[in-house]
Amino acid sequence: MSNSHVYKKVELAGSSTKSIEDAIEGAIAECSKSIKNVEWFEVVETRGHVTDGKVAHYQVVLKVGFRIESN
């Protein structure tokens, strides 16, 4: 058994009408449906959409790290 791990990163964009946190959580939840061993994320961009002077959507770009399974 090895004490070291190898990781791969993918980039995702999540959006929400509620909050930045909701956009992050939604992106991670969807990603975890098709990628195993998701272990960390970093937010690399944050932006939003404004309608009539109010925030209509929050959008975040994430780098998500997942551990590669060893044989």
PDB file of N, CA and C in Angstrom:
ATOM      1  N   MET A   1       0.849  -1.183   0.000  1.00  0.00           N
ATOM      2  CA  MET A   1       0.000   0.000   0.000  1.00  0.00           C
ATOM      3  C   MET A   1       0.890   1.240   0.000  1.00  0.00           C
ATOM      4  N   SER A   2       0.564   2.169  -0.863  1.00  0.00           N
ATOM      5  CA  SER A   2       1.349   3.389  -1.009  1.00  0.00           C
ATOM      6  C   SER A   2       0.813   4.498  -0.110  1.00  0.00           C
ATOM      7  N   ASN A   3       1.711   5.326   0.393  1.00  0.00           N
ATOM      8  CA  ASN A   3       1.301   6.490   1.183  1.00  0.00           C
ATOM      9  C   ASN A   3       1.142   7.733   0.322  1.00  0.00           C
ATOM     10  N   SER A   4       1.435   7.632  -0.971  1.00  0.00           N
ATOM     11  CA  SER A   4       1.292   8.779  -1.857  1.00  0.00           C
ATOM     12  C   SER A   4       0.129   8.547  -2.812  1.00  0.00           C
ATOM     13  N   HIS A   5      -0.419   9.641  -3.308  1.00  0.00           N
ATOM     14  CA  HIS A   5      -1.560   9.567  -4.218  1.00  0.00           C
ATOM     15  C   HIS A   5      -1.265  10.402  -5.452  1.00  0.00           C
ATOM     16  N   VAL A   6      -1.971  10.074  -6.532  1.00  0.00           N
ATOM     17  CA  VAL A   6      -1.904  10.856  -7.761  1.00  0.00           C
ATOM     18  C   VAL A   6      -3.291  11.431  -7.998  1.00  0.00           C
ATOM     19  N   TYR A   7      -3.324  12.706  -8.383  1.00  0.00           N
ATOM     20  CA  TYR A   7      -4.592  13.398  -8.590  1.00  0.00           C
ATOM     21  C   TYR A   7      -4.677  13.937 -10.013  1.00  0.00           C
ATOM     22  N   LYS A   8      -5.900  14.103 -10.472  1.00  0.00           N
ATOM     23  CA  LYS A   8      -6.168  14.758 -11.749  1.00  0.00           C
ATOM     24  C   LYS A   8      -7.123  15.894 -11.457  1.00  0.00           C
ATOM     25  N   LYS A   9      -7.030  16.972 -12.243  1.00  0.00           N
ATOM     26  CA  LYS A   9      -7.924  18.111 -12.080  1.00  0.00           C
ATOM     27  C   LYS A   9      -8.785  18.278 -13.329  1.00  0.00           C
ATOM     28  N   VAL A  10     -10.031  18.650 -13.104  1.00  0.00           N
ATOM     29  CA  VAL A  10     -10.931  19.042 -14.187  1.00  0.00           C
ATOM     30  C   VAL A  10     -11.472  20.420 -13.857  1.00  0.00           C
ATOM     31  N   GLU A  11     -11.874  21.146 -14.883  1.00  0.00           N
ATOM     32  CA  GLU A  11     -12.427  22.481 -14.679  1.00  0.00           C
ATOM     33  C   GLU A  11     -13.917  22.447 -14.950  1.00  0.00           C
ATOM     34  N   LEU A  12     -14.688  23.046 -14.058  1.00  0.00           N
ATOM     35  CA  LEU A  12     -16.147  23.081 -14.160  1.00  0.00           C
ATOM     36  C   LEU A  12     -16.640  24.508 -13.998  1.00  0.00           C
ATOM     37  N   ALA A  13     -17.832  24.777 -14.479  1.00  0.00           N
ATOM     38  CA  ALA A  13     -18.510  26.038 -14.197  1.00  0.00           C
ATOM     39  C   ALA A  13     -19.864  25.695 -13.591  1.00  0.00           C
ATOM     40  N   GLY A  14     -20.158  26.287 -12.448  1.00  0.00           N
ATOM     41  CA  GLY A  14     -21.443  26.081 -11.794  1.00  0.00           C
ATOM     42  C   GLY A  14     -22.174  27.406 -11.694  1.00  0.00           C
ATOM     43  N   SER A  15     -23.504  27.350 -11.709  1.00  0.00           N
ATOM     44  CA  SER A  15     -24.275  28.586 -11.580  1.00  0.00           C
ATOM     45  C   SER A  15     -25.469  28.371 -10.662  1.00  0.00           C
ATOM     46  N   SER A  16     -25.946  29.474 -10.108  1.00  0.00           N
ATOM     47  CA  SER A  16     -27.086  29.431  -9.196  1.00  0.00           C
ATOM     48  C   SER A  16     -27.748  30.793  -9.167  1.00  0.00           C
ATOM     49  N   THR A  17     -29.040  30.808  -8.914  1.00  0.00           N
ATOM     50  CA  THR A  17     -29.745  32.067  -8.704  1.00  0.00           C
ATOM     51  C   THR A  17     -29.718  32.468  -7.229  1.00  0.00           C
ATOM     52  N   LYS A  18     -29.254  31.553  -6.350  1.00  0.00           N
ATOM     53  CA  LYS A  18     -29.256  31.801  -4.903  1.00  0.00           C
ATOM     54  C   LYS A  18     -27.966  32.412  -4.380  1.00  0.00           C
ATOM     55  N   SER A  19     -26.818  31.724  -4.637  1.00  0.00           N
ATOM     56  CA  SER A  19     -25.574  32.170  -4.013  1.00  0.00           C
ATOM     57  C   SER A  19     -24.361  31.525  -4.682  1.00  0.00           C
ATOM     58  N   ILE A  20     -23.196  32.063  -4.362  1.00  0.00           N
ATOM     59  CA  ILE A  20     -21.940  31.478  -4.836  1.00  0.00           C
ATOM     60  C   ILE A  20     -21.769  30.084  -4.248  1.00  0.00           C
ATOM     61  N   GLU A  21     -22.092  29.946  -2.964  1.00  0.00           N
ATOM     62  CA  GLU A  21     -21.969  28.643  -2.313  1.00  0.00           C
ATOM     63  C   GLU A  21     -22.859  27.599  -2.983  1.00  0.00           C
ATOM     64  N   ASP A  22     -24.060  27.987  -3.348  1.00  0.00           N
ATOM     65  CA  ASP A  22     -24.981  27.066  -4.022  1.00  0.00           C
ATOM     66  C   ASP A  22     -24.442  26.673  -5.396  1.00  0.00           C
ATOM     67  N   ALA A  23     -23.809  27.609  -6.083  1.00  0.00           N
ATOM     68  CA  ALA A  23     -23.204  27.306  -7.385  1.00  0.00           C
ATOM     69  C   ALA A  23     -22.065  26.297  -7.226  1.00  0.00           C
ATOM     70  N   ILE A  24     -21.253  26.463  -6.184  1.00  0.00           N
ATOM     71  CA  ILE A  24     -20.161  25.528  -5.914  1.00  0.00           C
ATOM     72  C   ILE A  24     -20.714  24.149  -5.577  1.00  0.00           C
ATOM     73  N   GLU A  25     -21.657  24.106  -4.647  1.00  0.00           N
ATOM     74  CA  GLU A  25     -22.215  22.828  -4.208  1.00  0.00           C
ATOM     75  C   GLU A  25     -22.911  22.087  -5.346  1.00  0.00           C
ATOM     76  N   GLY A  26     -23.605  22.814  -6.212  1.00  0.00           N
ATOM     77  CA  GLY A  26     -24.269  22.179  -7.354  1.00  0.00           C
ATOM     78  C   GLY A  26     -23.272  21.596  -8.342  1.00  0.00           C
ATOM     79  N   ALA A  27     -22.195  22.326  -8.604  1.00  0.00           N
ATOM     80  CA  ALA A  27     -21.172  21.829  -9.533  1.00  0.00           C
ATOM     81  C   ALA A  27     -20.493  20.583  -8.975  1.00  0.00           C
ATOM     82  N   ILE A  28     -20.164  20.594  -7.681  1.00  0.00           N
ATOM     83  CA  ILE A  28     -19.519  19.434  -7.053  1.00  0.00           C
ATOM     84  C   ILE A  28     -20.466  18.231  -7.052  1.00  0.00           C
ATOM     85  N   ALA A  29     -21.731  18.447  -6.750  1.00  0.00           N
ATOM     86  CA  ALA A  29     -22.708  17.350  -6.722  1.00  0.00           C
ATOM     87  C   ALA A  29     -22.844  16.704  -8.094  1.00  0.00           C
ATOM     88  N   GLU A  30     -22.947  17.507  -9.143  1.00  0.00           N
ATOM     89  CA  GLU A  30     -23.066  16.948 -10.495  1.00  0.00           C
ATOM     90  C   GLU A  30     -21.794  16.227 -10.907  1.00  0.00           C
ATOM     91  N   CYS A  31     -20.654  16.816 -10.617  1.00  0.00           N
ATOM     92  CA  CYS A  31     -19.365  16.209 -10.955  1.00  0.00           C
ATOM     93  C   CYS A  31     -19.222  14.850 -10.275  1.00  0.00           C
ATOM     94  N   SER A  32     -19.625  14.773  -9.014  1.00  0.00           N
ATOM     95  CA  SER A  32     -19.474  13.539  -8.233  1.00  0.00           C
ATOM     96  C   SER A  32     -20.346  12.397  -8.746  1.00  0.00           C
ATOM     97  N   LYS A  33     -21.335  12.704  -9.577  1.00  0.00           N
ATOM     98  CA  LYS A  33     -22.169  11.650 -10.162  1.00  0.00           C
ATOM     99  C   LYS A  33     -21.401  10.832 -11.194  1.00  0.00           C
ATOM    100  N   SER A  34     -20.410  11.442 -11.853  1.00  0.00           N
ATOM    101  CA  SER A  34     -19.690  10.723 -12.911  1.00  0.00           C
ATOM    102  C   SER A  34     -18.198  10.557 -12.635  1.00  0.00           C
ATOM    103  N   ILE A  35     -17.666  11.262 -11.634  1.00  0.00           N
ATOM    104  CA  ILE A  35     -16.240  11.148 -11.308  1.00  0.00           C
ATOM    105  C   ILE A  35     -16.119  10.665  -9.868  1.00  0.00           C
ATOM    106  N   LYS A  36     -15.372   9.571  -9.681  1.00  0.00           N
ATOM    107  CA  LYS A  36     -15.160   9.024  -8.344  1.00  0.00           C
ATOM    108  C   LYS A  36     -13.986   9.721  -7.662  1.00  0.00           C
ATOM    109  N   ASN A  37     -13.953   9.624  -6.354  1.00  0.00           N
ATOM    110  CA  ASN A  37     -12.827  10.074  -5.528  1.00  0.00           C
ATOM    111  C   ASN A  37     -12.579  11.581  -5.587  1.00  0.00           C
ATOM    112  N   VAL A  38     -13.638  12.381  -5.761  1.00  0.00           N
ATOM    113  CA  VAL A  38     -13.473  13.838  -5.723  1.00  0.00           C
ATOM    114  C   VAL A  38     -13.052  14.205  -4.304  1.00  0.00           C
ATOM    115  N   GLU A  39     -11.947  14.945  -4.187  1.00  0.00           N
ATOM    116  CA  GLU A  39     -11.408  15.230  -2.855  1.00  0.00           C
ATOM    117  C   GLU A  39     -11.215  16.709  -2.554  1.00  0.00           C
ATOM    118  N   TRP A  40     -11.131  17.579  -3.528  1.00  0.00           N
ATOM    119  CA  TRP A  40     -10.915  19.000  -3.244  1.00  0.00           C
ATOM    120  C   TRP A  40     -11.335  19.855  -4.423  1.00  0.00           C
ATOM    121  N   PHE A  41     -11.459  21.155  -4.171  1.00  0.00           N
ATOM    122  CA  PHE A  41     -11.770  22.106  -5.234  1.00  0.00           C
ATOM    123  C   PHE A  41     -11.123  23.441  -4.925  1.00  0.00           C
ATOM    124  N   GLU A  42     -10.951  24.241  -5.961  1.00  0.00           N
ATOM    125  CA  GLU A  42     -10.519  25.621  -5.795  1.00  0.00           C
ATOM    126  C   GLU A  42     -11.337  26.484  -6.743  1.00  0.00           C
ATOM    127  N   VAL A  43     -11.787  27.624  -6.269  1.00  0.00           N
ATOM    128  CA  VAL A  43     -12.535  28.565  -7.101  1.00  0.00           C
ATOM    129  C   VAL A  43     -11.515  29.440  -7.821  1.00  0.00           C
ATOM    130  N   VAL A  44     -11.560  29.435  -9.154  1.00  0.00           N
ATOM    131  CA  VAL A  44     -10.592  30.211  -9.927  1.00  0.00           C
ATOM    132  C   VAL A  44     -11.202  31.453 -10.566  1.00  0.00           C
ATOM    133  N   GLU A  45     -12.523  31.483 -10.684  1.00  0.00           N
ATOM    134  CA  GLU A  45     -13.211  32.664 -11.213  1.00  0.00           C
ATOM    135  C   GLU A  45     -14.574  32.787 -10.539  1.00  0.00           C
ATOM    136  N   THR A  46     -14.990  34.012 -10.329  1.00  0.00           N
ATOM    137  CA  THR A  46     -16.331  34.281  -9.812  1.00  0.00           C
ATOM    138  C   THR A  46     -16.912  35.415 -10.641  1.00  0.00           C
ATOM    139  N   ARG A  47     -18.142  35.234 -11.077  1.00  0.00           N
ATOM    140  CA  ARG A  47     -18.808  36.289 -11.837  1.00  0.00           C
ATOM    141  C   ARG A  47     -20.309  36.115 -11.688  1.00  0.00           C
ATOM    142  N   GLY A  48     -21.050  37.020 -12.257  1.00  0.00           N
ATOM    143  CA  GLY A  48     -22.501  36.931 -12.165  1.00  0.00           C
ATOM    144  C   GLY A  48     -23.181  37.697 -13.272  1.00  0.00           C
ATOM    145  N   HIS A  49     -24.482  37.607 -13.261  1.00  0.00           N
ATOM    146  CA  HIS A  49     -25.322  38.248 -14.261  1.00  0.00           C
ATOM    147  C   HIS A  49     -26.265  39.187 -13.529  1.00  0.00           C
ATOM    148  N   VAL A  50     -26.376  40.415 -14.000  1.00  0.00           N
ATOM    149  CA  VAL A  50     -27.230  41.420 -13.360  1.00  0.00           C
ATOM    150  C   VAL A  50     -28.419  41.719 -14.248  1.00  0.00           C
ATOM    151  N   THR A  51     -29.607  41.733 -13.635  1.00  0.00           N
ATOM    152  CA  THR A  51     -30.838  42.094 -14.331  1.00  0.00           C
ATOM    153  C   THR A  51     -31.566  43.138 -13.493  1.00  0.00           C
ATOM    154  N   ASP A  52     -31.911  44.252 -14.112  1.00  0.00           N
ATOM    155  CA  ASP A  52     -32.646  45.331 -13.425  1.00  0.00           C
ATOM    156  C   ASP A  52     -31.961  45.766 -12.132  1.00  0.00           C
ATOM    157  N   GLY A  53     -30.631  45.828 -12.159  1.00  0.00           N
ATOM    158  CA  GLY A  53     -29.889  46.306 -11.008  1.00  0.00           C
ATOM    159  C   GLY A  53     -29.745  45.313  -9.869  1.00  0.00           C
ATOM    160  N   LYS A  54     -30.135  44.060 -10.097  1.00  0.00           N
ATOM    161  CA  LYS A  54     -30.033  43.026  -9.061  1.00  0.00           C
ATOM    162  C   LYS A  54     -29.295  41.816  -9.609  1.00  0.00           C
ATOM    163  N   VAL A  55     -28.640  41.095  -8.714  1.00  0.00           N
ATOM    164  CA  VAL A  55     -27.942  39.870  -9.124  1.00  0.00           C
ATOM    165  C   VAL A  55     -28.977  38.829  -9.519  1.00  0.00           C
ATOM    166  N   ALA A  56     -28.875  38.341 -10.748  1.00  0.00           N
ATOM    167  CA  ALA A  56     -29.797  37.322 -11.250  1.00  0.00           C
ATOM    168  C   ALA A  56     -29.184  35.927 -11.181  1.00  0.00           C
ATOM    169  N   HIS A  57     -27.890  35.829 -11.427  1.00  0.00           N
ATOM    170  CA  HIS A  57     -27.189  34.539 -11.384  1.00  0.00           C
ATOM    171  C   HIS A  57     -25.774  34.739 -10.852  1.00  0.00           C
ATOM    172  N   TYR A  58     -25.323  33.771 -10.092  1.00  0.00           N
ATOM    173  CA  TYR A  58     -23.931  33.691  -9.667  1.00  0.00           C
ATOM    174  C   TYR A  58     -23.289  32.582 -10.473  1.00  0.00           C
ATOM    175  N   GLN A  59     -22.056  32.785 -10.903  1.00  0.00           N
ATOM    176  CA  GLN A  59     -21.346  31.738 -11.635  1.00  0.00           C
ATOM    177  C   GLN A  59     -19.935  31.635 -11.084  1.00  0.00           C
ATOM    178  N   VAL A  60     -19.487  30.402 -10.898  1.00  0.00           N
ATOM    179  CA  VAL A  60     -18.127  30.140 -10.431  1.00  0.00           C
ATOM    180  C   VAL A  60     -17.463  29.139 -11.365  1.00  0.00           C
ATOM    181  N   VAL A  61     -16.175  29.320 -11.583  1.00  0.00           N
ATOM    182  CA  VAL A  61     -15.375  28.338 -12.300  1.00  0.00           C
ATOM    183  C   VAL A  61     -14.502  27.668 -11.250  1.00  0.00           C
ATOM    184  N   LEU A  62     -14.554  26.340 -11.234  1.00  0.00           N
ATOM    185  CA  LEU A  62     -13.841  25.549 -10.236  1.00  0.00           C
ATOM    186  C   LEU A  62     -12.830  24.633 -10.893  1.00  0.00           C
ATOM    187  N   LYS A  63     -11.741  24.388 -10.215  1.00  0.00           N
ATOM    188  CA  LYS A  63     -10.861  23.277 -10.545  1.00  0.00           C
ATOM    189  C   LYS A  63     -11.119  22.240  -9.464  1.00  0.00           C
ATOM    190  N   VAL A  64     -11.496  21.045  -9.887  1.00  0.00           N
ATOM    191  CA  VAL A  64     -11.858  19.977  -8.967  1.00  0.00           C
ATOM    192  C   VAL A  64     -10.797  18.886  -9.080  1.00  0.00           C
ATOM    193  N   GLY A  65     -10.286  18.449  -7.933  1.00  0.00           N
ATOM    194  CA  GLY A  65      -9.272  17.403  -7.912  1.00  0.00           C
ATOM    195  C   GLY A  65      -9.865  16.088  -7.475  1.00  0.00           C
ATOM    196  N   PHE A  66      -9.502  15.038  -8.195  1.00  0.00           N
ATOM    197  CA  PHE A  66      -9.933  13.696  -7.785  1.00  0.00           C
ATOM    198  C   PHE A  66      -8.743  12.758  -7.813  1.00  0.00           C
ATOM    199  N   ARG A  67      -8.761  11.803  -6.877  1.00  0.00           N
ATOM    200  CA  ARG A  67      -7.660  10.857  -6.728  1.00  0.00           C
ATOM    201  C   ARG A  67      -7.785   9.733  -7.748  1.00  0.00           C
ATOM    202  N   ILE A  68      -6.675   9.464  -8.409  1.00  0.00           N
ATOM    203  CA  ILE A  68      -6.618   8.334  -9.348  1.00  0.00           C
ATOM    204  C   ILE A  68      -6.449   7.054  -8.542  1.00  0.00           C
ATOM    205  N   GLU A  69      -7.287   6.078  -8.829  1.00  0.00           N
ATOM    206  CA  GLU A  69      -7.174   4.794  -8.117  1.00  0.00           C
ATOM    207  C   GLU A  69      -5.972   4.020  -8.636  1.00  0.00           C
ATOM    208  N   SER A  70      -5.196   3.487  -7.716  1.00  0.00           N
ATOM    209  CA  SER A  70      -4.058   2.667  -8.121  1.00  0.00           C
ATOM    210  C   SER A  70      -4.446   1.195  -8.082  1.00  0.00           C
ATOM    211  N   ASN A  71      -3.795   0.410  -8.931  1.00  0.00           N
ATOM    212  CA  ASN A  71      -4.127  -1.023  -9.020  1.00  0.00           C
ATOM    213  C   ASN A  71      -3.373  -1.837  -8.008  1.00  0.00           C
TER     214      ASN A  71
END
